[in-house]
Amino acid sequence: MLNISDDKALMQSVNTVAKSNLRLHLAYKVSHNLKIQSRLNFSTYHHESKDKSTGYLLYQDLQYSLDKIPMVFTFRYAIFNTDDYDTRIYAYENNVLYKFSVPAYMYQGQRYYLLLNYKMTKNLRLWLHFAQTFYTKRTSISSGLEEIDGNTRSEITAQLIWKF
């Protein structure tokens, strides 16, 4: 249910909203050092006062660990297309240790990220994360103090953990 604002009415009316999500997920371990995951998400949103909106997200994950060096690479490439904010799709994203990342995929575009996890010594570990999102048909991203002129958003995160 959703409140409908009407300046002329004394009381707000309530209308029905229907939101549906469908997810198809495939995970496969190709070898002892290569894992792949594929996911396809669909989202629909229908409100009585608006047309039905739809969206999808398709991504491919690859995780590769080296044999002789204690290093793991994780890569994701995603394509998304949603009609509006109401059909946005959230997807968990691997990141540096202890960082929680679940970006919202909305409007049209592509996103990729690369994560490096390198155990340098027994007590020293390095994490590097680089992500970039490209939006089509957008001249600016976000609003207010976080507004970006252009259609590309980039993120860099680095973490060095020293256990003693």
N, C-alpha and C. Protein backbone atom coordinates (compact mmCIF):
# COMPACT_ATOMS: atom_id res chain seq x y z
N MET A 1 0.84 -1.17 0.00
CA MET A 1 0.00 0.00 0.00
C MET A 1 0.89 1.24 0.00
N LEU A 2 0.37 2.30 -0.64
CA LEU A 2 1.13 3.54 -0.75
C LEU A 2 0.19 4.72 -0.60
N ASN A 3 0.59 5.70 0.21
CA ASN A 3 -0.21 6.91 0.35
C ASN A 3 -0.11 7.75 -0.91
N ILE A 4 -1.24 8.29 -1.34
CA ILE A 4 -1.30 9.16 -2.51
C ILE A 4 -1.55 10.57 -2.01
N SER A 5 -0.66 11.49 -2.35
CA SER A 5 -0.86 12.87 -1.90
C SER A 5 -1.72 13.62 -2.90
N ASP A 6 -2.69 14.31 -2.37
CA ASP A 6 -3.60 15.13 -3.17
C ASP A 6 -3.84 16.40 -2.37
N ASP A 7 -3.43 17.53 -2.91
CA ASP A 7 -3.55 18.80 -2.19
C ASP A 7 -4.99 19.19 -1.91
N LYS A 8 -5.93 18.70 -2.72
CA LYS A 8 -7.33 19.09 -2.57
C LYS A 8 -8.08 18.22 -1.56
N ALA A 9 -7.58 17.02 -1.30
CA ALA A 9 -8.28 16.09 -0.40
C ALA A 9 -7.94 16.39 1.06
N LEU A 10 -8.92 16.16 1.94
CA LEU A 10 -8.69 16.34 3.37
C LEU A 10 -7.85 15.19 3.94
N MET A 11 -8.06 14.00 3.39
CA MET A 11 -7.30 12.83 3.83
C MET A 11 -6.61 12.21 2.64
N GLN A 12 -5.42 11.67 2.88
CA GLN A 12 -4.71 11.00 1.80
C GLN A 12 -5.36 9.65 1.54
N SER A 13 -5.44 9.30 0.27
CA SER A 13 -5.97 7.98 -0.07
C SER A 13 -4.83 6.98 -0.15
N VAL A 14 -5.18 5.71 -0.05
CA VAL A 14 -4.19 4.64 -0.09
C VAL A 14 -4.47 3.78 -1.32
N ASN A 15 -3.44 3.56 -2.12
CA ASN A 15 -3.57 2.73 -3.31
C ASN A 15 -2.68 1.51 -3.21
N THR A 16 -3.03 0.50 -3.97
CA THR A 16 -2.28 -0.76 -3.96
C THR A 16 -1.06 -0.65 -4.87
N VAL A 17 0.04 -1.21 -4.37
CA VAL A 17 1.28 -1.29 -5.14
C VAL A 17 1.66 -2.76 -5.24
N ALA A 18 2.04 -3.18 -6.43
CA ALA A 18 2.49 -4.56 -6.62
C ALA A 18 3.95 -4.52 -7.09
N LYS A 19 4.82 -5.15 -6.30
CA LYS A 19 6.24 -5.24 -6.67
C LYS A 19 6.63 -6.71 -6.69
N SER A 20 7.29 -7.13 -7.76
CA SER A 20 7.70 -8.52 -7.90
C SER A 20 9.17 -8.57 -8.28
N ASN A 21 9.85 -9.59 -7.78
CA ASN A 21 11.25 -9.83 -8.11
C ASN A 21 11.44 -11.30 -8.45
N LEU A 22 12.26 -11.57 -9.45
CA LEU A 22 12.60 -12.93 -9.83
C LEU A 22 14.11 -13.00 -9.96
N ARG A 23 14.71 -14.05 -9.38
CA ARG A 23 16.16 -14.19 -9.42
C ARG A 23 16.54 -15.58 -9.89
N LEU A 24 17.44 -15.64 -10.85
CA LEU A 24 18.04 -16.90 -11.31
C LEU A 24 19.53 -16.81 -11.02
N HIS A 25 20.07 -17.81 -10.32
CA HIS A 25 21.47 -17.76 -9.89
C HIS A 25 22.14 -19.09 -10.20
N LEU A 26 23.34 -19.02 -10.76
CA LEU A 26 24.12 -20.21 -11.07
C LEU A 26 25.53 -20.00 -10.52
N ALA A 27 26.00 -20.94 -9.72
CA ALA A 27 27.36 -20.90 -9.18
C ALA A 27 28.05 -22.22 -9.52
N TYR A 28 29.29 -22.14 -10.00
CA TYR A 28 29.99 -23.33 -10.43
C TYR A 28 31.47 -23.19 -10.11
N LYS A 29 32.04 -24.23 -9.53
CA LYS A 29 33.47 -24.25 -9.25
C LYS A 29 34.15 -25.03 -10.39
N VAL A 30 34.80 -24.30 -11.29
CA VAL A 30 35.42 -24.89 -12.47
C VAL A 30 36.63 -25.74 -12.10
N SER A 31 37.46 -25.23 -11.20
CA SER A 31 38.64 -25.95 -10.72
C SER A 31 38.90 -25.51 -9.29
N HIS A 32 39.99 -26.01 -8.70
CA HIS A 32 40.27 -25.65 -7.32
C HIS A 32 40.60 -24.16 -7.15
N ASN A 33 40.95 -23.48 -8.24
CA ASN A 33 41.27 -22.06 -8.13
C ASN A 33 40.39 -21.13 -8.98
N LEU A 34 39.34 -21.63 -9.60
CA LEU A 34 38.45 -20.78 -10.40
C LEU A 34 36.99 -21.07 -10.08
N LYS A 35 36.27 -20.01 -9.67
CA LYS A 35 34.83 -20.10 -9.41
C LYS A 35 34.13 -19.08 -10.29
N ILE A 36 32.95 -19.45 -10.80
CA ILE A 36 32.15 -18.51 -11.58
C ILE A 36 30.74 -18.47 -11.02
N GLN A 37 30.13 -17.30 -11.11
CA GLN A 37 28.74 -17.11 -10.70
C GLN A 37 28.05 -16.24 -11.74
N SER A 38 26.84 -16.59 -12.06
CA SER A 38 26.02 -15.79 -12.96
C SER A 38 24.69 -15.53 -12.29
N ARG A 39 24.17 -14.34 -12.48
CA ARG A 39 22.88 -14.02 -11.89
C ARG A 39 22.07 -13.14 -12.84
N LEU A 40 20.77 -13.42 -12.88
CA LEU A 40 19.82 -12.63 -13.65
C LEU A 40 18.67 -12.28 -12.73
N ASN A 41 18.43 -10.99 -12.54
CA ASN A 41 17.33 -10.50 -11.70
C ASN A 41 16.34 -9.73 -12.56
N PHE A 42 15.06 -9.94 -12.30
CA PHE A 42 14.00 -9.15 -12.93
C PHE A 42 13.21 -8.47 -11.83
N SER A 43 12.74 -7.26 -12.11
CA SER A 43 11.95 -6.51 -11.14
C SER A 43 10.80 -5.83 -11.87
N THR A 44 9.60 -5.89 -11.27
CA THR A 44 8.45 -5.17 -11.81
C THR A 44 7.80 -4.38 -10.68
N TYR A 45 7.20 -3.25 -11.04
CA TYR A 45 6.54 -2.38 -10.08
C TYR A 45 5.31 -1.80 -10.76
N HIS A 46 4.17 -1.93 -10.10
CA HIS A 46 2.95 -1.37 -10.66
C HIS A 46 2.17 -0.65 -9.57
N HIS A 47 1.87 0.59 -9.87
CA HIS A 47 1.08 1.44 -8.98
C HIS A 47 -0.13 1.92 -9.77
N GLU A 48 -1.28 1.98 -9.13
CA GLU A 48 -2.53 2.31 -9.84
C GLU A 48 -2.45 3.62 -10.61
N SER A 49 -1.71 4.61 -10.10
CA SER A 49 -1.66 5.91 -10.77
C SER A 49 -0.52 6.03 -11.78
N LYS A 50 0.29 4.97 -11.93
CA LYS A 50 1.42 5.01 -12.86
C LYS A 50 1.41 3.79 -13.76
N ASP A 51 2.13 3.89 -14.88
CA ASP A 51 2.30 2.73 -15.74
C ASP A 51 3.21 1.71 -15.05
N LYS A 52 3.11 0.48 -15.47
CA LYS A 52 3.96 -0.59 -14.94
C LYS A 52 5.41 -0.34 -15.37
N SER A 53 6.34 -0.47 -14.43
CA SER A 53 7.75 -0.31 -14.76
C SER A 53 8.47 -1.63 -14.51
N THR A 54 9.53 -1.84 -15.27
CA THR A 54 10.27 -3.10 -15.19
C THR A 54 11.77 -2.81 -15.17
N GLY A 55 12.54 -3.85 -14.83
CA GLY A 55 13.98 -3.72 -14.85
C GLY A 55 14.65 -5.07 -14.77
N TYR A 56 15.92 -5.09 -15.14
CA TYR A 56 16.70 -6.33 -15.04
C TYR A 56 18.14 -6.00 -14.68
N LEU A 57 18.81 -6.99 -14.12
CA LEU A 57 20.24 -6.94 -13.81
C LEU A 57 20.82 -8.29 -14.20
N LEU A 58 21.90 -8.26 -14.95
CA LEU A 58 22.61 -9.47 -15.34
C LEU A 58 24.08 -9.27 -15.00
N TYR A 59 24.64 -10.19 -14.21
CA TYR A 59 26.06 -10.06 -13.92
C TYR A 59 26.77 -11.40 -13.94
N GLN A 60 28.09 -11.29 -14.15
CA GLN A 60 28.98 -12.45 -14.18
C GLN A 60 30.13 -12.18 -13.21
N ASP A 61 30.34 -13.12 -12.28
CA ASP A 61 31.46 -13.04 -11.34
C ASP A 61 32.49 -14.10 -11.66
N LEU A 62 33.75 -13.73 -11.54
CA LEU A 62 34.86 -14.68 -11.66
C LEU A 62 35.75 -14.49 -10.43
N GLN A 63 36.13 -15.59 -9.82
CA GLN A 63 37.07 -15.53 -8.70
C GLN A 63 38.20 -16.51 -8.98
N TYR A 64 39.42 -15.98 -8.99
CA TYR A 64 40.58 -16.79 -9.34
C TYR A 64 41.64 -16.64 -8.25
N SER A 65 42.12 -17.76 -7.76
CA SER A 65 43.21 -17.76 -6.77
C SER A 65 44.45 -18.38 -7.39
N LEU A 66 45.57 -17.74 -7.16
CA LEU A 66 46.84 -18.23 -7.70
C LEU A 66 47.35 -19.39 -6.86
N ASP A 67 48.10 -20.28 -7.50
CA ASP A 67 48.63 -21.45 -6.79
C ASP A 67 49.87 -21.12 -5.97
N LYS A 68 50.83 -20.42 -6.57
CA LYS A 68 52.12 -20.22 -5.92
C LYS A 68 52.20 -18.94 -5.09
N ILE A 69 51.31 -18.01 -5.33
CA ILE A 69 51.29 -16.75 -4.58
C ILE A 69 49.94 -16.68 -3.86
N PRO A 70 49.93 -16.33 -2.58
CA PRO A 70 48.66 -16.26 -1.83
C PRO A 70 47.84 -15.02 -2.22
N MET A 71 47.28 -15.05 -3.43
CA MET A 71 46.56 -13.91 -3.97
C MET A 71 45.25 -14.40 -4.59
N VAL A 72 44.17 -13.63 -4.35
CA VAL A 72 42.86 -13.95 -4.92
C VAL A 72 42.34 -12.73 -5.65
N PHE A 73 41.88 -12.93 -6.90
CA PHE A 73 41.27 -11.88 -7.70
C PHE A 73 39.78 -12.18 -7.83
N THR A 74 38.95 -11.15 -7.64
CA THR A 74 37.52 -11.27 -7.86
C THR A 74 37.10 -10.19 -8.83
N PHE A 75 36.34 -10.57 -9.86
CA PHE A 75 35.92 -9.63 -10.89
C PHE A 75 34.43 -9.79 -11.15
N ARG A 76 33.74 -8.68 -11.32
CA ARG A 76 32.32 -8.71 -11.70
C ARG A 76 32.10 -7.73 -12.85
N TYR A 77 31.27 -8.19 -13.80
CA TYR A 77 30.79 -7.32 -14.87
C TYR A 77 29.27 -7.40 -14.86
N ALA A 78 28.61 -6.25 -14.78
CA ALA A 78 27.15 -6.22 -14.68
C ALA A 78 26.56 -5.28 -15.73
N ILE A 79 25.40 -5.68 -16.24
CA ILE A 79 24.59 -4.86 -17.15
C ILE A 79 23.23 -4.70 -16.49
N PHE A 80 22.72 -3.50 -16.44
CA PHE A 80 21.43 -3.27 -15.80
C PHE A 80 20.61 -2.27 -16.61
N ASN A 81 19.29 -2.41 -16.50
CA ASN A 81 18.36 -1.52 -17.19
C ASN A 81 17.04 -1.54 -16.43
N THR A 82 16.75 -0.45 -15.75
CA THR A 82 15.48 -0.33 -15.04
C THR A 82 14.80 0.95 -15.50
N ASP A 83 13.48 0.94 -15.46
CA ASP A 83 12.73 2.10 -15.92
C ASP A 83 12.85 3.28 -14.96
N ASP A 84 12.97 2.99 -13.67
CA ASP A 84 12.99 4.06 -12.68
C ASP A 84 13.55 3.56 -11.35
N TYR A 85 13.48 4.42 -10.34
CA TYR A 85 13.98 4.10 -9.01
C TYR A 85 13.17 2.97 -8.37
N ASP A 86 11.89 2.89 -8.68
CA ASP A 86 11.02 1.88 -8.07
C ASP A 86 11.42 0.45 -8.45
N THR A 87 12.06 0.27 -9.59
CA THR A 87 12.46 -1.08 -10.02
C THR A 87 13.95 -1.34 -9.81
N ARG A 88 14.58 -0.55 -8.96
CA ARG A 88 16.00 -0.76 -8.67
C ARG A 88 16.23 -2.17 -8.12
N ILE A 89 17.43 -2.69 -8.33
CA ILE A 89 17.79 -4.04 -7.89
C ILE A 89 19.07 -3.94 -7.09
N TYR A 90 19.08 -4.56 -5.92
CA TYR A 90 20.26 -4.57 -5.06
C TYR A 90 21.00 -5.89 -5.23
N ALA A 91 22.34 -5.82 -5.20
CA ALA A 91 23.16 -7.03 -5.29
C ALA A 91 24.39 -6.86 -4.41
N TYR A 92 24.64 -7.87 -3.58
CA TYR A 92 25.82 -7.86 -2.71
C TYR A 92 27.08 -7.84 -3.57
N GLU A 93 28.07 -7.10 -3.11
CA GLU A 93 29.33 -6.97 -3.83
C GLU A 93 30.49 -7.24 -2.88
N ASN A 94 31.42 -8.10 -3.28
CA ASN A 94 32.62 -8.34 -2.48
C ASN A 94 33.43 -7.05 -2.41
N ASN A 95 34.03 -6.82 -1.25
CA ASN A 95 34.81 -5.61 -1.05
C ASN A 95 35.93 -5.92 -0.07
N VAL A 96 36.62 -4.89 0.41
CA VAL A 96 37.69 -5.12 1.37
C VAL A 96 37.09 -5.69 2.66
N LEU A 97 37.95 -6.27 3.47
CA LEU A 97 37.49 -6.92 4.70
C LEU A 97 36.74 -5.93 5.60
N TYR A 98 35.62 -6.36 6.12
CA TYR A 98 34.75 -5.61 7.04
C TYR A 98 33.97 -4.48 6.38
N LYS A 99 34.01 -4.34 5.08
CA LYS A 99 33.23 -3.31 4.41
C LYS A 99 32.00 -3.96 3.78
N PHE A 100 30.86 -3.41 4.06
CA PHE A 100 29.59 -3.93 3.57
C PHE A 100 29.21 -3.14 2.32
N SER A 101 28.94 -3.82 1.22
CA SER A 101 28.66 -3.14 -0.03
C SER A 101 27.50 -3.82 -0.77
N VAL A 102 26.39 -3.10 -0.90
CA VAL A 102 25.22 -3.60 -1.64
C VAL A 102 24.69 -2.44 -2.48
N PRO A 103 25.30 -2.18 -3.65
CA PRO A 103 24.84 -1.05 -4.44
C PRO A 103 23.48 -1.30 -5.08
N ALA A 104 22.78 -0.21 -5.34
CA ALA A 104 21.50 -0.27 -6.04
C ALA A 104 21.76 -0.06 -7.53
N TYR A 105 21.30 -0.99 -8.33
CA TYR A 105 21.42 -0.88 -9.78
C TYR A 105 20.12 -0.29 -10.30
N MET A 106 20.18 0.92 -10.87
CA MET A 106 18.97 1.56 -11.38
C MET A 106 19.29 2.39 -12.61
N TYR A 107 18.28 2.62 -13.41
CA TYR A 107 18.37 3.28 -14.71
C TYR A 107 19.10 2.35 -15.68
N GLN A 108 19.94 2.87 -16.57
CA GLN A 108 20.60 2.01 -17.55
C GLN A 108 22.10 2.20 -17.45
N GLY A 109 22.82 1.07 -17.55
CA GLY A 109 24.27 1.19 -17.53
C GLY A 109 24.99 -0.12 -17.33
N GLN A 110 26.26 0.02 -16.99
CA GLN A 110 27.14 -1.12 -16.75
C GLN A 110 27.99 -0.82 -15.53
N ARG A 111 28.38 -1.86 -14.82
CA ARG A 111 29.25 -1.71 -13.66
C ARG A 111 30.23 -2.87 -13.64
N TYR A 112 31.43 -2.57 -13.24
CA TYR A 112 32.40 -3.64 -13.02
C TYR A 112 33.22 -3.31 -11.78
N TYR A 113 33.76 -4.34 -11.17
CA TYR A 113 34.71 -4.12 -10.09
C TYR A 113 35.76 -5.21 -10.12
N LEU A 114 36.91 -4.88 -9.55
CA LEU A 114 38.02 -5.81 -9.40
C LEU A 114 38.50 -5.71 -7.96
N LEU A 115 38.61 -6.86 -7.32
CA LEU A 115 39.06 -6.93 -5.93
C LEU A 115 40.30 -7.81 -5.87
N LEU A 116 41.33 -7.31 -5.21
CA LEU A 116 42.57 -8.05 -5.02
C LEU A 116 42.75 -8.28 -3.53
N ASN A 117 43.01 -9.53 -3.16
CA ASN A 117 43.29 -9.90 -1.77
C ASN A 117 44.64 -10.61 -1.78
N TYR A 118 45.65 -9.97 -1.19
CA TYR A 118 47.01 -10.49 -1.24
C TYR A 118 47.56 -10.65 0.18
N LYS A 119 47.88 -11.89 0.54
CA LYS A 119 48.48 -12.18 1.84
C LYS A 119 49.99 -12.06 1.67
N MET A 120 50.51 -10.89 2.04
CA MET A 120 51.92 -10.57 1.81
C MET A 120 52.84 -11.38 2.71
N THR A 121 52.50 -11.44 3.98
CA THR A 121 53.23 -12.26 4.95
C THR A 121 52.21 -12.89 5.88
N LYS A 122 52.70 -13.62 6.87
CA LYS A 122 51.79 -14.25 7.84
C LYS A 122 50.92 -13.22 8.57
N ASN A 123 51.48 -12.02 8.79
CA ASN A 123 50.79 -10.99 9.57
C ASN A 123 50.35 -9.78 8.76
N LEU A 124 50.60 -9.76 7.46
CA LEU A 124 50.30 -8.58 6.65
C LEU A 124 49.47 -8.97 5.43
N ARG A 125 48.33 -8.30 5.28
CA ARG A 125 47.43 -8.59 4.17
C ARG A 125 47.00 -7.28 3.50
N LEU A 126 46.94 -7.29 2.17
CA LEU A 126 46.56 -6.11 1.38
C LEU A 126 45.27 -6.41 0.62
N TRP A 127 44.33 -5.47 0.69
CA TRP A 127 43.09 -5.54 -0.08
C TRP A 127 42.99 -4.29 -0.94
N LEU A 128 42.69 -4.45 -2.22
CA LEU A 128 42.45 -3.33 -3.14
C LEU A 128 41.15 -3.58 -3.88
N HIS A 129 40.32 -2.56 -3.95
CA HIS A 129 39.02 -2.67 -4.63
C HIS A 129 38.85 -1.46 -5.54
N PHE A 130 38.54 -1.72 -6.80
CA PHE A 130 38.25 -0.65 -7.76
C PHE A 130 36.93 -0.98 -8.44
N ALA A 131 36.01 -0.02 -8.44
CA ALA A 131 34.71 -0.21 -9.08
C ALA A 131 34.39 1.01 -9.94
N GLN A 132 33.68 0.75 -11.03
CA GLN A 132 33.28 1.85 -11.90
C GLN A 132 31.91 1.55 -12.49
N THR A 133 31.05 2.57 -12.48
CA THR A 133 29.71 2.46 -13.03
C THR A 133 29.55 3.48 -14.16
N PHE A 134 29.05 3.02 -15.30
CA PHE A 134 28.77 3.88 -16.45
C PHE A 134 27.26 3.92 -16.65
N TYR A 135 26.70 5.11 -16.68
CA TYR A 135 25.26 5.26 -16.94
C TYR A 135 25.07 5.79 -18.35
N THR A 136 24.12 5.22 -19.07
CA THR A 136 23.77 5.74 -20.38
C THR A 136 22.59 6.69 -20.21
N LYS A 137 22.49 7.66 -21.07
CA LYS A 137 21.39 8.63 -21.06
C LYS A 137 21.35 9.45 -19.78
N ARG A 138 22.51 9.68 -19.13
CA ARG A 138 22.57 10.51 -17.92
C ARG A 138 23.69 11.53 -18.09
N THR A 139 23.42 12.76 -17.69
CA THR A 139 24.45 13.80 -17.75
C THR A 139 25.00 14.12 -16.37
N SER A 140 24.30 13.67 -15.32
CA SER A 140 24.80 13.83 -13.96
C SER A 140 24.32 12.65 -13.12
N ILE A 141 25.04 12.39 -12.04
CA ILE A 141 24.72 11.27 -11.16
C ILE A 141 24.53 11.82 -9.75
N SER A 142 23.53 11.35 -9.04
CA SER A 142 23.24 11.71 -7.67
C SER A 142 22.80 13.17 -7.59
N SER A 143 22.82 13.73 -6.37
CA SER A 143 22.38 15.12 -6.19
C SER A 143 23.05 15.69 -4.95
N GLY A 144 22.89 16.97 -4.76
CA GLY A 144 23.44 17.64 -3.59
C GLY A 144 24.96 17.62 -3.60
N LEU A 145 25.55 17.38 -2.42
CA LEU A 145 27.00 17.38 -2.29
C LEU A 145 27.66 16.19 -2.97
N GLU A 146 26.88 15.13 -3.26
CA GLU A 146 27.43 13.95 -3.91
C GLU A 146 27.23 13.97 -5.43
N GLU A 147 26.73 15.07 -5.97
CA GLU A 147 26.45 15.13 -7.41
C GLU A 147 27.74 15.08 -8.21
N ILE A 148 27.70 14.31 -9.29
CA ILE A 148 28.84 14.16 -10.20
C ILE A 148 28.39 14.61 -11.58
N ASP A 149 29.10 15.57 -12.18
CA ASP A 149 28.83 15.97 -13.55
C ASP A 149 29.42 14.91 -14.46
N GLY A 150 28.60 14.31 -15.29
CA GLY A 150 29.05 13.24 -16.17
C GLY A 150 28.28 11.97 -15.89
N ASN A 151 28.65 10.91 -16.58
CA ASN A 151 27.90 9.66 -16.47
C ASN A 151 28.71 8.50 -15.88
N THR A 152 29.85 8.79 -15.25
CA THR A 152 30.71 7.74 -14.70
C THR A 152 31.01 7.99 -13.23
N ARG A 153 30.85 6.93 -12.45
CA ARG A 153 31.18 7.01 -11.02
C ARG A 153 32.26 5.96 -10.75
N SER A 154 33.36 6.38 -10.13
CA SER A 154 34.48 5.48 -9.81
C SER A 154 34.70 5.44 -8.31
N GLU A 155 35.08 4.27 -7.82
CA GLU A 155 35.35 4.09 -6.39
C GLU A 155 36.65 3.31 -6.23
N ILE A 156 37.49 3.76 -5.31
CA ILE A 156 38.72 3.06 -4.98
C ILE A 156 38.77 2.86 -3.47
N THR A 157 39.04 1.64 -3.04
CA THR A 157 39.19 1.33 -1.62
C THR A 157 40.46 0.51 -1.45
N ALA A 158 41.27 0.88 -0.47
CA ALA A 158 42.48 0.13 -0.17
C ALA A 158 42.52 -0.13 1.34
N GLN A 159 43.02 -1.31 1.69
CA GLN A 159 43.09 -1.68 3.09
C GLN A 159 44.35 -2.52 3.31
N LEU A 160 45.10 -2.16 4.35
CA LEU A 160 46.28 -2.91 4.74
C LEU A 160 46.07 -3.35 6.18
N ILE A 161 46.09 -4.66 6.41
CA ILE A 161 45.87 -5.21 7.75
C ILE A 161 47.16 -5.82 8.25
N TRP A 162 47.55 -5.37 9.42
CA TRP A 162 48.75 -5.87 10.07
C TRP A 162 48.33 -6.47 11.41
N LYS A 163 48.50 -7.75 11.55
CA LYS A 163 48.18 -8.46 12.80
C LYS A 163 49.47 -8.59 13.60
N PHE A 164 49.38 -8.21 14.86
CA PHE A 164 50.56 -8.36 15.73
C PHE A 164 50.15 -8.81 17.11
